[in-house]
Amino acid sequence: MAKLEQIINENFEQLLRRIEDGIQGGSVSASLEDESDFRSGDARCSVRVFERYSYAGNNRVSLSVTLFQSGDGPIHLSAITSGGSQAMFFKINTWGEEAFLDKLRELL
């Protein structure tokens, strides 16, 4: 697993669209698997789960991205990858997970 957490001062909708478009456009095998959006008062949260094939790891990896904002405050981003291991009992070969997260870092 690889993780990225960041606080971003930007328009929520523009950031979300840039992430969606950039991840899906950054790899021929990348897809948006599911999404969830909700609000409570002046707070909002969006969750996106992407998946792609990793040539380096010869497997599929997922990337979950969560954006949270309260009012007009900064956006809290949490992104976690998973699925890049090839071993049964311990993690080896997690290059695909890091590469997927690197694509998100480029977009930010």
PDB file of N, CA and C in Angstrom:
ATOM      1  N   MET A   1       0.825  -1.167   0.000  1.00  0.00           N
ATOM      2  CA  MET A   1       0.000   0.000   0.000  1.00  0.00           C
ATOM      3  C   MET A   1       0.880   1.244   0.000  1.00  0.00           C
ATOM      4  N   ALA A   2       0.398   2.244  -0.703  1.00  0.00           N
ATOM      5  CA  ALA A   2       1.057   3.541  -0.700  1.00  0.00           C
ATOM      6  C   ALA A   2      -0.007   4.584  -0.379  1.00  0.00           C
ATOM      7  N   LYS A   3       0.394   5.640   0.306  1.00  0.00           N
ATOM      8  CA  LYS A   3      -0.591   6.634   0.741  1.00  0.00           C
ATOM      9  C   LYS A   3      -0.049   8.041   0.534  1.00  0.00           C
ATOM     10  N   LEU A   4      -0.970   8.946   0.176  1.00  0.00           N
ATOM     11  CA  LEU A   4      -0.664  10.366   0.026  1.00  0.00           C
ATOM     12  C   LEU A   4      -1.757  11.145   0.733  1.00  0.00           C
ATOM     13  N   GLU A   5      -1.372  12.061   1.604  1.00  0.00           N
ATOM     14  CA  GLU A   5      -2.326  12.948   2.252  1.00  0.00           C
ATOM     15  C   GLU A   5      -1.838  14.374   2.063  1.00  0.00           C
ATOM     16  N   GLN A   6      -2.778  15.260   1.723  1.00  0.00           N
ATOM     17  CA  GLN A   6      -2.389  16.616   1.399  1.00  0.00           C
ATOM     18  C   GLN A   6      -3.550  17.558   1.695  1.00  0.00           C
ATOM     19  N   ILE A   7      -3.234  18.797   2.017  1.00  0.00           N
ATOM     20  CA  ILE A   7      -4.240  19.841   2.171  1.00  0.00           C
ATOM     21  C   ILE A   7      -4.074  20.800   1.002  1.00  0.00           C
ATOM     22  N   ILE A   8      -5.200  21.084   0.328  1.00  0.00           N
ATOM     23  CA  ILE A   8      -5.152  21.834  -0.924  1.00  0.00           C
ATOM     24  C   ILE A   8      -6.137  22.994  -0.856  1.00  0.00           C
ATOM     25  N   ASN A   9      -5.696  24.170  -1.247  1.00  0.00           N
ATOM     26  CA  ASN A   9      -6.573  25.341  -1.347  1.00  0.00           C
ATOM     27  C   ASN A   9      -6.915  25.538  -2.822  1.00  0.00           C
ATOM     28  N   GLU A  10      -8.066  25.026  -3.206  1.00  0.00           N
ATOM     29  CA  GLU A  10      -8.475  25.058  -4.605  1.00  0.00           C
ATOM     30  C   GLU A  10      -9.987  24.869  -4.675  1.00  0.00           C
ATOM     31  N   ASN A  11     -10.562  25.101  -5.845  1.00  0.00           N
ATOM     32  CA  ASN A  11     -11.975  24.860  -6.053  1.00  0.00           C
ATOM     33  C   ASN A  11     -12.244  23.352  -6.025  1.00  0.00           C
ATOM     34  N   PHE A  12     -13.176  22.921  -5.188  1.00  0.00           N
ATOM     35  CA  PHE A  12     -13.470  21.501  -4.980  1.00  0.00           C
ATOM     36  C   PHE A  12     -13.834  20.799  -6.289  1.00  0.00           C
ATOM     37  N   GLU A  13     -14.794  21.356  -7.015  1.00  0.00           N
ATOM     38  CA  GLU A  13     -15.268  20.717  -8.257  1.00  0.00           C
ATOM     39  C   GLU A  13     -14.173  20.651  -9.315  1.00  0.00           C
ATOM     40  N   GLN A  14     -13.401  21.709  -9.457  1.00  0.00           N
ATOM     41  CA  GLN A  14     -12.327  21.713 -10.454  1.00  0.00           C
ATOM     42  C   GLN A  14     -11.258  20.670 -10.115  1.00  0.00           C
ATOM     43  N   LEU A  15     -10.913  20.567  -8.832  1.00  0.00           N
ATOM     44  CA  LEU A  15      -9.921  19.583  -8.408  1.00  0.00           C
ATOM     45  C   LEU A  15     -10.428  18.169  -8.663  1.00  0.00           C
ATOM     46  N   LEU A  16     -11.675  17.907  -8.303  1.00  0.00           N
ATOM     47  CA  LEU A  16     -12.257  16.583  -8.505  1.00  0.00           C
ATOM     48  C   LEU A  16     -12.259  16.205  -9.982  1.00  0.00           C
ATOM     49  N   ARG A  17     -12.665  17.116 -10.854  1.00  0.00           N
ATOM     50  CA  ARG A  17     -12.684  16.827 -12.305  1.00  0.00           C
ATOM     51  C   ARG A  17     -11.270  16.599 -12.847  1.00  0.00           C
ATOM     52  N   ARG A  18     -10.307  17.406 -12.377  1.00  0.00           N
ATOM     53  CA  ARG A  18      -8.929  17.243 -12.845  1.00  0.00           C
ATOM     54  C   ARG A  18      -8.399  15.866 -12.455  1.00  0.00           C
ATOM     55  N   ILE A  19      -8.715  15.417 -11.250  1.00  0.00           N
ATOM     56  CA  ILE A  19      -8.276  14.091 -10.807  1.00  0.00           C
ATOM     57  C   ILE A  19      -8.940  13.008 -11.647  1.00  0.00           C
ATOM     58  N   GLU A  20     -10.257  13.086 -11.805  1.00  0.00           N
ATOM     59  CA  GLU A  20     -10.978  12.079 -12.592  1.00  0.00           C
ATOM     60  C   GLU A  20     -10.448  11.998 -14.017  1.00  0.00           C
ATOM     61  N   ASP A  21     -10.358  13.148 -14.672  1.00  0.00           N
ATOM     62  CA  ASP A  21      -9.899  13.174 -16.061  1.00  0.00           C
ATOM     63  C   ASP A  21      -8.442  12.761 -16.194  1.00  0.00           C
ATOM     64  N   GLY A  22      -7.610  13.232 -15.269  1.00  0.00           N
ATOM     65  CA  GLY A  22      -6.180  12.938 -15.344  1.00  0.00           C
ATOM     66  C   GLY A  22      -5.844  11.477 -15.096  1.00  0.00           C
ATOM     67  N   ILE A  23      -6.499  10.860 -14.110  1.00  0.00           N
ATOM     68  CA  ILE A  23      -6.232   9.449 -13.825  1.00  0.00           C
ATOM     69  C   ILE A  23      -6.701   8.582 -14.979  1.00  0.00           C
ATOM     70  N   GLN A  24      -7.923   8.825 -15.455  1.00  0.00           N
ATOM     71  CA  GLN A  24      -8.455   8.006 -16.541  1.00  0.00           C
ATOM     72  C   GLN A  24      -7.723   8.257 -17.860  1.00  0.00           C
ATOM     73  N   GLY A  25      -7.251   9.470 -18.064  1.00  0.00           N
ATOM     74  CA  GLY A  25      -6.526   9.794 -19.289  1.00  0.00           C
ATOM     75  C   GLY A  25      -5.053   9.429 -19.227  1.00  0.00           C
ATOM     76  N   GLY A  26      -4.566   9.094 -18.036  1.00  0.00           N
ATOM     77  CA  GLY A  26      -3.146   8.817 -17.861  1.00  0.00           C
ATOM     78  C   GLY A  26      -2.735   7.392 -18.146  1.00  0.00           C
ATOM     79  N   SER A  27      -3.704   6.517 -18.372  1.00  0.00           N
ATOM     80  CA  SER A  27      -3.406   5.113 -18.642  1.00  0.00           C
ATOM     81  C   SER A  27      -4.538   4.533 -19.474  1.00  0.00           C
ATOM     82  N   VAL A  28      -4.191   3.771 -20.485  1.00  0.00           N
ATOM     83  CA  VAL A  28      -5.204   3.172 -21.357  1.00  0.00           C
ATOM     84  C   VAL A  28      -6.077   2.179 -20.596  1.00  0.00           C
ATOM     85  N   SER A  29      -5.558   1.619 -19.505  1.00  0.00           N
ATOM     86  CA  SER A  29      -6.321   0.618 -18.753  1.00  0.00           C
ATOM     87  C   SER A  29      -7.000   1.191 -17.503  1.00  0.00           C
ATOM     88  N   ALA A  30      -6.837   2.503 -17.242  1.00  0.00           N
ATOM     89  CA  ALA A  30      -7.424   3.102 -16.041  1.00  0.00           C
ATOM     90  C   ALA A  30      -8.923   3.305 -16.207  1.00  0.00           C
ATOM     91  N   SER A  31      -9.653   3.012 -15.139  1.00  0.00           N
ATOM     92  CA  SER A  31     -11.100   3.207 -15.160  1.00  0.00           C
ATOM     93  C   SER A  31     -11.573   3.683 -13.791  1.00  0.00           C
ATOM     94  N   LEU A  32     -12.669   4.420 -13.808  1.00  0.00           N
ATOM     95  CA  LEU A  32     -13.334   4.832 -12.575  1.00  0.00           C
ATOM     96  C   LEU A  32     -14.294   3.710 -12.209  1.00  0.00           C
ATOM     97  N   GLU A  33     -14.001   3.005 -11.127  1.00  0.00           N
ATOM     98  CA  GLU A  33     -14.789   1.837 -10.748  1.00  0.00           C
ATOM     99  C   GLU A  33     -16.063   2.207  -9.998  1.00  0.00           C
ATOM    100  N   ASP A  34     -15.986   3.212  -9.131  1.00  0.00           N
ATOM    101  CA  ASP A  34     -17.176   3.657  -8.407  1.00  0.00           C
ATOM    102  C   ASP A  34     -16.903   5.012  -7.780  1.00  0.00           C
ATOM    103  N   GLU A  35     -17.982   5.656  -7.344  1.00  0.00           N
ATOM    104  CA  GLU A  35     -17.865   6.983  -6.746  1.00  0.00           C
ATOM    105  C   GLU A  35     -18.965   7.186  -5.727  1.00  0.00           C
ATOM    106  N   SER A  36     -18.702   8.097  -4.796  1.00  0.00           N
ATOM    107  CA  SER A  36     -19.680   8.452  -3.777  1.00  0.00           C
ATOM    108  C   SER A  36     -19.504   9.917  -3.431  1.00  0.00           C
ATOM    109  N   ASP A  37     -20.611  10.635  -3.343  1.00  0.00           N
ATOM    110  CA  ASP A  37     -20.595  12.050  -2.993  1.00  0.00           C
ATOM    111  C   ASP A  37     -21.675  12.294  -1.952  1.00  0.00           C
ATOM    112  N   PHE A  38     -21.335  13.039  -0.904  1.00  0.00           N
ATOM    113  CA  PHE A  38     -22.357  13.397   0.065  1.00  0.00           C
ATOM    114  C   PHE A  38     -22.009  14.702   0.750  1.00  0.00           C
ATOM    115  N   ARG A  39     -23.059  15.319   1.311  1.00  0.00           N
ATOM    116  CA  ARG A  39     -22.943  16.587   2.028  1.00  0.00           C
ATOM    117  C   ARG A  39     -23.628  16.461   3.373  1.00  0.00           C
ATOM    118  N   SER A  40     -23.117  17.220   4.322  1.00  0.00           N
ATOM    119  CA  SER A  40     -23.759  17.349   5.624  1.00  0.00           C
ATOM    120  C   SER A  40     -23.521  18.777   6.076  1.00  0.00           C
ATOM    121  N   GLY A  41     -24.581  19.561   6.104  1.00  0.00           N
ATOM    122  CA  GLY A  41     -24.421  20.978   6.414  1.00  0.00           C
ATOM    123  C   GLY A  41     -23.575  21.636   5.347  1.00  0.00           C
ATOM    124  N   ASP A  42     -22.505  22.308   5.766  1.00  0.00           N
ATOM    125  CA  ASP A  42     -21.630  22.952   4.784  1.00  0.00           C
ATOM    126  C   ASP A  42     -20.394  22.110   4.463  1.00  0.00           C
ATOM    127  N   ALA A  43     -20.384  20.865   4.913  1.00  0.00           N
ATOM    128  CA  ALA A  43     -19.258  19.958   4.624  1.00  0.00           C
ATOM    129  C   ALA A  43     -19.627  19.037   3.471  1.00  0.00           C
ATOM    130  N   ARG A  44     -18.625  18.677   2.693  1.00  0.00           N
ATOM    131  CA  ARG A  44     -18.852  17.719   1.613  1.00  0.00           C
ATOM    132  C   ARG A  44     -17.673  16.787   1.468  1.00  0.00           C
ATOM    133  N   CYS A  45     -17.976  15.620   0.927  1.00  0.00           N
ATOM    134  CA  CYS A  45     -16.973  14.575   0.768  1.00  0.00           C
ATOM    135  C   CYS A  45     -17.219  13.844  -0.545  1.00  0.00           C
ATOM    136  N   SER A  46     -16.162  13.593  -1.279  1.00  0.00           N
ATOM    137  CA  SER A  46     -16.236  12.814  -2.513  1.00  0.00           C
ATOM    138  C   SER A  46     -15.197  11.705  -2.442  1.00  0.00           C
ATOM    139  N   VAL A  47     -15.625  10.507  -2.814  1.00  0.00           N
ATOM    140  CA  VAL A  47     -14.740   9.348  -2.842  1.00  0.00           C
ATOM    141  C   VAL A  47     -14.747   8.789  -4.258  1.00  0.00           C
ATOM    142  N   ARG A  48     -13.571   8.509  -4.794  1.00  0.00           N
ATOM    143  CA  ARG A  48     -13.432   7.903  -6.116  1.00  0.00           C
ATOM    144  C   ARG A  48     -12.510   6.696  -6.001  1.00  0.00           C
ATOM    145  N   VAL A  49     -12.892   5.609  -6.657  1.00  0.00           N
ATOM    146  CA  VAL A  49     -12.060   4.409  -6.685  1.00  0.00           C
ATOM    147  C   VAL A  49     -11.726   4.109  -8.146  1.00  0.00           C
ATOM    148  N   PHE A  50     -10.433   4.154  -8.434  1.00  0.00           N
ATOM    149  CA  PHE A  50      -9.928   3.886  -9.779  1.00  0.00           C
ATOM    150  C   PHE A  50      -9.196   2.543  -9.782  1.00  0.00           C
ATOM    151  N   GLU A  51      -9.088   1.969 -10.964  1.00  0.00           N
ATOM    152  CA  GLU A  51      -8.325   0.730 -11.110  1.00  0.00           C
ATOM    153  C   GLU A  51      -7.590   0.788 -12.444  1.00  0.00           C
ATOM    154  N   ARG A  52      -6.439   0.151 -12.485  1.00  0.00           N
ATOM    155  CA  ARG A  52      -5.703   0.051 -13.745  1.00  0.00           C
ATOM    156  C   ARG A  52      -4.813  -1.177 -13.714  1.00  0.00           C
ATOM    157  N   TYR A  53      -4.376  -1.574 -14.888  1.00  0.00           N
ATOM    158  CA  TYR A  53      -3.449  -2.687 -15.001  1.00  0.00           C
ATOM    159  C   TYR A  53      -2.035  -2.160 -14.844  1.00  0.00           C
ATOM    160  N   SER A  54      -1.226  -2.846 -14.052  1.00  0.00           N
ATOM    161  CA  SER A  54       0.165  -2.467 -13.842  1.00  0.00           C
ATOM    162  C   SER A  54       1.063  -3.413 -14.635  1.00  0.00           C
ATOM    163  N   TYR A  55       1.702  -2.890 -15.667  1.00  0.00           N
ATOM    164  CA  TYR A  55       2.627  -3.712 -16.452  1.00  0.00           C
ATOM    165  C   TYR A  55       3.840  -4.111 -15.614  1.00  0.00           C
ATOM    166  N   ALA A  56       4.278  -3.190 -14.759  1.00  0.00           N
ATOM    167  CA  ALA A  56       5.460  -3.479 -13.926  1.00  0.00           C
ATOM    168  C   ALA A  56       5.197  -4.642 -12.979  1.00  0.00           C
ATOM    169  N   GLY A  57       3.999  -4.699 -12.414  1.00  0.00           N
ATOM    170  CA  GLY A  57       3.676  -5.742 -11.451  1.00  0.00           C
ATOM    171  C   GLY A  57       2.909  -6.901 -12.048  1.00  0.00           C
ATOM    172  N   ASN A  58       2.477  -6.753 -13.320  1.00  0.00           N
ATOM    173  CA  ASN A  58       1.703  -7.787 -13.995  1.00  0.00           C
ATOM    174  C   ASN A  58       0.429  -8.121 -13.202  1.00  0.00           C
ATOM    175  N   ASN A  59      -0.252  -7.058 -12.726  1.00  0.00           N
ATOM    176  CA  ASN A  59      -1.480  -7.243 -11.955  1.00  0.00           C
ATOM    177  C   ASN A  59      -2.309  -5.960 -12.017  1.00  0.00           C
ATOM    178  N   ARG A  60      -3.460  -5.961 -11.376  1.00  0.00           N
ATOM    179  CA  ARG A  60      -4.299  -4.774 -11.317  1.00  0.00           C
ATOM    180  C   ARG A  60      -4.116  -4.094  -9.953  1.00  0.00           C
ATOM    181  N   VAL A  61      -4.135  -2.765  -9.973  1.00  0.00           N
ATOM    182  CA  VAL A  61      -4.012  -1.997  -8.747  1.00  0.00           C
ATOM    183  C   VAL A  61      -5.178  -1.010  -8.659  1.00  0.00           C
ATOM    184  N   SER A  62      -5.535  -0.662  -7.435  1.00  0.00           N
ATOM    185  CA  SER A  62      -6.613   0.302  -7.238  1.00  0.00           C
ATOM    186  C   SER A  62      -6.072   1.545  -6.543  1.00  0.00           C
ATOM    187  N   LEU A  63      -6.772   2.636  -6.756  1.00  0.00           N
ATOM    188  CA  LEU A  63      -6.442   3.914  -6.133  1.00  0.00           C
ATOM    189  C   LEU A  63      -7.742   4.507  -5.611  1.00  0.00           C
ATOM    190  N   SER A  64      -7.830   4.699  -4.307  1.00  0.00           N
ATOM    191  CA  SER A  64      -8.988   5.333  -3.689  1.00  0.00           C
ATOM    192  C   SER A  64      -8.612   6.761  -3.322  1.00  0.00           C
ATOM    193  N   VAL A  65      -9.413   7.713  -3.784  1.00  0.00           N
ATOM    194  CA  VAL A  65      -9.159   9.127  -3.528  1.00  0.00           C
ATOM    195  C   VAL A  65     -10.359   9.703  -2.789  1.00  0.00           C
ATOM    196  N   THR A  66     -10.098  10.335  -1.644  1.00  0.00           N
ATOM    197  CA  THR A  66     -11.142  10.987  -0.865  1.00  0.00           C
ATOM    198  C   THR A  66     -10.822  12.471  -0.749  1.00  0.00           C
ATOM    199  N   LEU A  67     -11.797  13.301  -1.076  1.00  0.00           N
ATOM    200  CA  LEU A  67     -11.697  14.746  -0.891  1.00  0.00           C
ATOM    201  C   LEU A  67     -12.728  15.153   0.150  1.00  0.00           C
ATOM    202  N   PHE A  68     -12.308  15.961   1.127  1.00  0.00           N
ATOM    203  CA  PHE A  68     -13.222  16.442   2.165  1.00  0.00           C
ATOM    204  C   PHE A  68     -13.012  17.940   2.340  1.00  0.00           C
ATOM    205  N   GLN A  69     -14.131  18.667   2.411  1.00  0.00           N
ATOM    206  CA  GLN A  69     -14.058  20.111   2.623  1.00  0.00           C
ATOM    207  C   GLN A  69     -15.195  20.539   3.539  1.00  0.00           C
ATOM    208  N   SER A  70     -14.878  21.382   4.506  1.00  0.00           N
ATOM    209  CA  SER A  70     -15.874  21.963   5.397  1.00  0.00           C
ATOM    210  C   SER A  70     -16.010  23.437   5.055  1.00  0.00           C
ATOM    211  N   GLY A  71     -17.197  23.829   4.606  1.00  0.00           N
ATOM    212  CA  GLY A  71     -17.426  25.218   4.217  1.00  0.00           C
ATOM    213  C   GLY A  71     -16.511  25.626   3.083  1.00  0.00           C
ATOM    214  N   ASP A  72     -15.887  26.789   3.238  1.00  0.00           N
ATOM    215  CA  ASP A  72     -14.936  27.280   2.238  1.00  0.00           C
ATOM    216  C   ASP A  72     -13.495  26.991   2.650  1.00  0.00           C
ATOM    217  N   GLY A  73     -13.322  26.099   3.621  1.00  0.00           N
ATOM    218  CA  GLY A  73     -11.986  25.768   4.112  1.00  0.00           C
ATOM    219  C   GLY A  73     -11.187  24.980   3.101  1.00  0.00           C
ATOM    220  N   PRO A  74      -9.988  24.628   3.470  1.00  0.00           N
ATOM    221  CA  PRO A  74      -9.131  23.864   2.562  1.00  0.00           C
ATOM    222  C   PRO A  74      -9.691  22.455   2.331  1.00  0.00           C
ATOM    223  N   ILE A  75      -9.274  21.863   1.239  1.00  0.00           N
ATOM    224  CA  ILE A  75      -9.681  20.502   0.885  1.00  0.00           C
ATOM    225  C   ILE A  75      -8.656  19.541   1.469  1.00  0.00           C
ATOM    226  N   HIS A  76      -9.135  18.540   2.153  1.00  0.00           N
ATOM    227  CA  HIS A  76      -8.279  17.474   2.673  1.00  0.00           C
ATOM    228  C   HIS A  76      -8.356  16.305   1.692  1.00  0.00           C
ATOM    229  N   LEU A  77      -7.208  15.904   1.165  1.00  0.00           N
ATOM    230  CA  LEU A  77      -7.136  14.805   0.218  1.00  0.00           C
ATOM    231  C   LEU A  77      -6.434  13.624   0.871  1.00  0.00           C
ATOM    232  N   SER A  78      -7.014  12.460   0.703  1.00  0.00           N
ATOM    233  CA  SER A  78      -6.375  11.223   1.124  1.00  0.00           C
ATOM    234  C   SER A  78      -6.464  10.249  -0.038  1.00  0.00           C
ATOM    235  N   ALA A  79      -5.328   9.700  -0.444  1.00  0.00           N
ATOM    236  CA  ALA A  79      -5.284   8.750  -1.552  1.00  0.00           C
ATOM    237  C   ALA A  79      -4.499   7.519  -1.111  1.00  0.00           C
ATOM    238  N   ILE A  80      -5.088   6.355  -1.339  1.00  0.00           N
ATOM    239  CA  ILE A  80      -4.471   5.097  -0.922  1.00  0.00           C
ATOM    240  C   ILE A  80      -4.559   4.105  -2.067  1.00  0.00           C
ATOM    241  N   THR A  81      -3.436   3.459  -2.373  1.00  0.00           N
ATOM    242  CA  THR A  81      -3.405   2.425  -3.407  1.00  0.00           C
ATOM    243  C   THR A  81      -3.412   1.054  -2.763  1.00  0.00           C
ATOM    244  N   SER A  82      -3.822   0.065  -3.543  1.00  0.00           N
ATOM    245  CA  SER A  82      -3.854  -1.304  -3.048  1.00  0.00           C
ATOM    246  C   SER A  82      -3.831  -2.277  -4.224  1.00  0.00           C
ATOM    247  N   GLY A  83      -3.449  -3.501  -3.920  1.00  0.00           N
ATOM    248  CA  GLY A  83      -3.542  -4.571  -4.907  1.00  0.00           C
ATOM    249  C   GLY A  83      -2.290  -4.839  -5.699  1.00  0.00           C
ATOM    250  N   GLY A  84      -1.199  -4.175  -5.394  1.00  0.00           N
ATOM    251  CA  GLY A  84      -0.008  -4.318  -6.206  1.00  0.00           C
ATOM    252  C   GLY A  84       0.937  -5.425  -5.802  1.00  0.00           C
ATOM    253  N   SER A  85       0.548  -6.273  -4.880  1.00  0.00           N
ATOM    254  CA  SER A  85       1.457  -7.315  -4.402  1.00  0.00           C
ATOM    255  C   SER A  85       1.214  -8.629  -5.121  1.00  0.00           C
ATOM    256  N   GLN A  86       2.257  -9.432  -5.242  1.00  0.00           N
ATOM    257  CA  GLN A  86       2.131 -10.730  -5.887  1.00  0.00           C
ATOM    258  C   GLN A  86       2.342 -11.894  -4.932  1.00  0.00           C
ATOM    259  N   ALA A  87       2.632 -11.616  -3.688  1.00  0.00           N
ATOM    260  CA  ALA A  87       2.911 -12.689  -2.736  1.00  0.00           C
ATOM    261  C   ALA A  87       1.639 -13.060  -1.962  1.00  0.00           C
ATOM    262  N   MET A  88       1.637 -14.249  -1.381  1.00  0.00           N
ATOM    263  CA  MET A  88       0.473 -14.712  -0.653  1.00  0.00           C
ATOM    264  C   MET A  88       0.431 -14.189   0.777  1.00  0.00           C
ATOM    265  N   PHE A  89       1.565 -14.144   1.476  1.00  0.00           N
ATOM    266  CA  PHE A  89       1.559 -13.803   2.891  1.00  0.00           C
ATOM    267  C   PHE A  89       2.248 -12.487   3.230  1.00  0.00           C
ATOM    268  N   PHE A  90       2.950 -11.885   2.297  1.00  0.00           N
ATOM    269  CA  PHE A  90       3.605 -10.608   2.549  1.00  0.00           C
ATOM    270  C   PHE A  90       3.652  -9.836   1.243  1.00  0.00           C
ATOM    271  N   LYS A  91       3.908  -8.543   1.332  1.00  0.00           N
ATOM    272  CA  LYS A  91       3.877  -7.699   0.139  1.00  0.00           C
ATOM    273  C   LYS A  91       5.245  -7.624  -0.521  1.00  0.00           C
ATOM    274  N   ILE A  92       5.263  -7.967  -1.785  1.00  0.00           N
ATOM    275  CA  ILE A  92       6.436  -7.750  -2.627  1.00  0.00           C
ATOM    276  C   ILE A  92       5.963  -7.119  -3.922  1.00  0.00           C
ATOM    277  N   ASN A  93       6.851  -6.487  -4.625  1.00  0.00           N
ATOM    278  CA  ASN A  93       6.557  -5.919  -5.930  1.00  0.00           C
ATOM    279  C   ASN A  93       5.375  -4.949  -5.873  1.00  0.00           C
ATOM    280  N   THR A  94       5.557  -3.844  -5.185  1.00  0.00           N
ATOM    281  CA  THR A  94       4.498  -2.844  -5.075  1.00  0.00           C
ATOM    282  C   THR A  94       4.758  -1.649  -6.011  1.00  0.00           C
ATOM    283  N   TRP A  95       5.545  -1.869  -7.061  1.00  0.00           N
ATOM    284  CA  TRP A  95       5.881  -0.784  -7.995  1.00  0.00           C
ATOM    285  C   TRP A  95       4.637  -0.191  -8.638  1.00  0.00           C
ATOM    286  N   GLY A  96       3.668  -1.027  -8.977  1.00  0.00           N
ATOM    287  CA  GLY A  96       2.459  -0.540  -9.623  1.00  0.00           C
ATOM    288  C   GLY A  96       1.675   0.406  -8.744  1.00  0.00           C
ATOM    289  N   GLU A  97       1.643   0.139  -7.448  1.00  0.00           N
ATOM    290  CA  GLU A  97       0.944   1.011  -6.515  1.00  0.00           C
ATOM    291  C   GLU A  97       1.616   2.382  -6.467  1.00  0.00           C
ATOM    292  N   GLU A  98       2.921   2.401  -6.352  1.00  0.00           N
ATOM    293  CA  GLU A  98       3.660   3.672  -6.295  1.00  0.00           C
ATOM    294  C   GLU A  98       3.502   4.451  -7.601  1.00  0.00           C
ATOM    295  N   ALA A  99       3.535   3.761  -8.732  1.00  0.00           N
ATOM    296  CA  ALA A  99       3.389   4.430 -10.027  1.00  0.00           C
ATOM    297  C   ALA A  99       2.007   5.056 -10.162  1.00  0.00           C
ATOM    298  N   PHE A 100       0.972   4.367  -9.675  1.00  0.00           N
ATOM    299  CA  PHE A 100      -0.391   4.897  -9.727  1.00  0.00           C
ATOM    300  C   PHE A 100      -0.488   6.155  -8.871  1.00  0.00           C
ATOM    301  N   LEU A 101       0.091   6.136  -7.698  1.00  0.00           N
ATOM    302  CA  LEU A 101       0.076   7.295  -6.813  1.00  0.00           C
ATOM    303  C   LEU A 101       0.912   8.444  -7.391  1.00  0.00           C
ATOM    304  N   ASP A 102       1.990   8.108  -8.083  1.00  0.00           N
ATOM    305  CA  ASP A 102       2.818   9.140  -8.726  1.00  0.00           C
ATOM    306  C   ASP A 102       2.016   9.909  -9.769  1.00  0.00           C
ATOM    307  N   LYS A 103       1.121   9.231 -10.483  1.00  0.00           N
ATOM    308  CA  LYS A 103       0.275   9.908 -11.467  1.00  0.00           C
ATOM    309  C   LYS A 103      -0.597  10.947 -10.779  1.00  0.00           C
ATOM    310  N   LEU A 104      -1.154  10.609  -9.625  1.00  0.00           N
ATOM    311  CA  LEU A 104      -1.962  11.572  -8.871  1.00  0.00           C
ATOM    312  C   LEU A 104      -1.101  12.738  -8.409  1.00  0.00           C
ATOM    313  N   ARG A 105       0.119  12.462  -7.950  1.00  0.00           N
ATOM    314  CA  ARG A 105       1.025  13.536  -7.510  1.00  0.00           C
ATOM    315  C   ARG A 105       1.262  14.527  -8.658  1.00  0.00           C
ATOM    316  N   GLU A 106       1.420  14.017  -9.877  1.00  0.00           N
ATOM    317  CA  GLU A 106       1.623  14.890 -11.041  1.00  0.00           C
ATOM    318  C   GLU A 106       0.417  15.811 -11.254  1.00  0.00           C
ATOM    319  N   LEU A 107      -0.778  15.267 -11.052  1.00  0.00           N
ATOM    320  CA  LEU A 107      -2.002  16.045 -11.260  1.00  0.00           C
ATOM    321  C   LEU A 107      -2.179  17.139 -10.214  1.00  0.00           C
ATOM    322  N   LEU A 108      -1.635  16.904  -9.032  1.00  0.00           N
ATOM    323  CA  LEU A 108      -1.793  17.888  -7.955  1.00  0.00           C
ATOM    324  C   LEU A 108      -0.767  18.994  -8.078  1.00  0.00           C
TER     325      LEU A 108
END
